N, C-alpha and C. Protein backbone atom coordinates (compact mmCIF):
# COMPACT_ATOMS: atom_id res chain seq x y z
N UNK A 1 12.60 17.53 20.61
CA UNK A 1 11.76 17.31 19.46
C UNK A 1 12.31 16.20 18.58
N UNK A 2 13.58 16.27 18.26
CA UNK A 2 14.18 15.26 17.40
C UNK A 2 14.20 13.91 18.10
N UNK A 3 14.42 13.89 19.41
CA UNK A 3 14.42 12.63 20.16
C UNK A 3 13.09 11.91 19.98
N UNK A 4 11.99 12.63 20.08
CA UNK A 4 10.68 12.02 19.93
C UNK A 4 10.47 11.49 18.51
N UNK A 5 10.95 12.22 17.52
CA UNK A 5 10.83 11.76 16.13
C UNK A 5 11.59 10.46 15.92
N UNK A 6 12.80 10.38 16.46
CA UNK A 6 13.62 9.17 16.33
C UNK A 6 12.95 8.01 17.05
N UNK A 7 12.40 8.25 18.22
CA UNK A 7 11.72 7.20 18.98
C UNK A 7 10.52 6.66 18.20
N UNK A 8 9.77 7.53 17.56
CA UNK A 8 8.63 7.09 16.75
C UNK A 8 9.10 6.32 15.52
N UNK A 9 10.16 6.78 14.91
CA UNK A 9 10.69 6.13 13.71
C UNK A 9 11.18 4.71 14.00
N UNK A 10 11.88 4.54 15.12
CA UNK A 10 12.47 3.25 15.45
C UNK A 10 11.66 2.45 16.48
N UNK A 11 10.53 2.99 16.90
CA UNK A 11 9.60 2.31 17.81
C UNK A 11 10.25 1.90 19.14
N UNK A 12 10.73 2.90 19.89
CA UNK A 12 11.24 2.64 21.23
C UNK A 12 10.94 3.84 22.12
N UNK A 13 11.02 3.61 23.42
CA UNK A 13 10.81 4.67 24.40
C UNK A 13 12.07 4.74 25.26
N UNK A 14 12.76 5.84 25.18
CA UNK A 14 14.04 5.98 25.88
C UNK A 14 13.86 5.88 27.40
N UNK A 15 12.73 6.31 27.90
CA UNK A 15 12.50 6.25 29.35
C UNK A 15 12.40 4.81 29.84
N UNK A 16 11.97 3.90 28.97
CA UNK A 16 11.90 2.49 29.35
C UNK A 16 13.27 1.82 29.28
N UNK A 17 14.14 2.30 28.39
CA UNK A 17 15.45 1.68 28.20
C UNK A 17 16.54 2.26 29.08
N UNK A 18 16.48 3.55 29.36
CA UNK A 18 17.53 4.21 30.12
C UNK A 18 16.93 5.05 31.23
N UNK A 19 17.64 5.16 32.34
CA UNK A 19 17.12 5.88 33.50
C UNK A 19 17.60 7.31 33.62
N UNK A 20 18.56 7.73 32.80
CA UNK A 20 19.08 9.08 32.95
C UNK A 20 18.29 10.08 32.12
N UNK A 21 18.35 11.33 32.52
CA UNK A 21 17.62 12.40 31.85
C UNK A 21 18.48 12.98 30.74
N UNK A 22 17.86 13.15 29.59
CA UNK A 22 18.57 13.76 28.46
C UNK A 22 18.44 15.28 28.53
N UNK A 23 19.48 15.95 28.09
CA UNK A 23 19.42 17.40 27.97
C UNK A 23 18.63 17.73 26.71
N UNK A 24 18.16 18.94 26.61
CA UNK A 24 17.31 19.32 25.48
C UNK A 24 18.02 19.22 24.13
N UNK A 25 19.33 19.38 24.11
CA UNK A 25 20.06 19.35 22.85
C UNK A 25 20.59 17.96 22.50
N UNK A 26 20.31 16.96 23.35
CA UNK A 26 20.83 15.62 23.12
C UNK A 26 19.79 14.72 22.44
N UNK A 27 20.30 13.80 21.63
CA UNK A 27 19.48 12.74 21.05
C UNK A 27 20.22 11.45 21.33
N UNK A 28 19.52 10.50 21.95
CA UNK A 28 20.14 9.24 22.33
C UNK A 28 19.44 8.10 21.61
N UNK A 29 20.21 7.29 20.90
CA UNK A 29 19.68 6.14 20.19
C UNK A 29 20.48 4.91 20.63
N UNK A 30 19.88 4.06 21.44
CA UNK A 30 20.59 2.85 21.86
C UNK A 30 20.84 1.93 20.67
N UNK A 31 22.00 1.32 20.64
CA UNK A 31 22.33 0.42 19.53
C UNK A 31 21.37 -0.76 19.44
N UNK A 32 20.83 -1.21 20.57
CA UNK A 32 19.97 -2.38 20.52
C UNK A 32 18.66 -2.16 19.77
N UNK A 33 18.28 -0.89 19.53
CA UNK A 33 17.05 -0.65 18.76
C UNK A 33 17.32 -0.64 17.26
N UNK A 34 18.58 -0.57 16.87
CA UNK A 34 18.94 -0.62 15.45
C UNK A 34 19.30 -2.07 15.14
N UNK A 35 18.29 -2.92 15.12
CA UNK A 35 18.54 -4.35 15.02
C UNK A 35 18.30 -4.94 13.63
N UNK A 36 17.93 -4.10 12.67
CA UNK A 36 17.76 -4.58 11.30
C UNK A 36 18.37 -3.58 10.33
N UNK A 37 18.64 -4.05 9.15
CA UNK A 37 19.18 -3.16 8.12
C UNK A 37 18.16 -2.07 7.77
N UNK A 38 16.89 -2.43 7.77
CA UNK A 38 15.84 -1.46 7.46
C UNK A 38 15.83 -0.29 8.43
N UNK A 39 15.96 -0.60 9.72
CA UNK A 39 15.99 0.48 10.71
C UNK A 39 17.24 1.33 10.55
N UNK A 40 18.35 0.70 10.19
CA UNK A 40 19.59 1.46 9.98
C UNK A 40 19.42 2.41 8.80
N UNK A 41 18.82 1.94 7.74
CA UNK A 41 18.60 2.78 6.55
C UNK A 41 17.66 3.94 6.90
N UNK A 42 16.58 3.65 7.65
CA UNK A 42 15.66 4.71 8.06
C UNK A 42 16.37 5.77 8.90
N UNK A 43 17.20 5.33 9.83
CA UNK A 43 17.95 6.25 10.68
C UNK A 43 18.93 7.07 9.86
N UNK A 44 19.60 6.43 8.95
CA UNK A 44 20.56 7.12 8.08
C UNK A 44 19.86 8.22 7.27
N UNK A 45 18.70 7.90 6.70
CA UNK A 45 17.94 8.90 5.94
C UNK A 45 17.45 10.04 6.83
N UNK A 46 17.03 9.70 8.05
CA UNK A 46 16.58 10.72 8.99
C UNK A 46 17.71 11.69 9.32
N UNK A 47 18.88 11.14 9.62
CA UNK A 47 20.04 11.98 9.96
C UNK A 47 20.41 12.86 8.77
N UNK A 48 20.37 12.29 7.58
CA UNK A 48 20.68 13.07 6.37
C UNK A 48 19.71 14.24 6.22
N UNK A 49 18.41 13.99 6.41
CA UNK A 49 17.42 15.08 6.29
C UNK A 49 17.65 16.16 7.34
N UNK A 50 17.98 15.74 8.58
CA UNK A 50 18.25 16.71 9.64
C UNK A 50 19.47 17.56 9.31
N UNK A 51 20.51 16.92 8.81
CA UNK A 51 21.74 17.63 8.46
C UNK A 51 21.47 18.64 7.35
N UNK A 52 20.75 18.22 6.33
CA UNK A 52 20.44 19.12 5.21
C UNK A 52 19.63 20.31 5.69
N UNK A 53 18.66 20.08 6.58
CA UNK A 53 17.84 21.20 7.07
C UNK A 53 18.67 22.18 7.89
N UNK A 54 19.67 21.69 8.61
CA UNK A 54 20.54 22.58 9.40
C UNK A 54 21.47 23.36 8.49
N UNK A 55 22.02 22.71 7.48
CA UNK A 55 22.95 23.36 6.56
C UNK A 55 22.26 24.46 5.77
N UNK A 56 21.00 24.25 5.42
CA UNK A 56 20.27 25.23 4.62
C UNK A 56 19.92 26.50 5.39
N UNK A 57 19.97 26.45 6.71
CA UNK A 57 19.61 27.63 7.52
C UNK A 57 20.64 28.67 7.46
């Protein structure tokens, strides 16, 4: 679920970039898709929101 959210946020498809299968608990973000400061800030905010939601549980 989180992998798909990250892919939509950063506009990439992991199946096009990498050939290996991800496990359900893994999230993979290739460095080449974080090519601007804006995308880095978006990713940072996304990770922060995910962390906060996990901590609150």
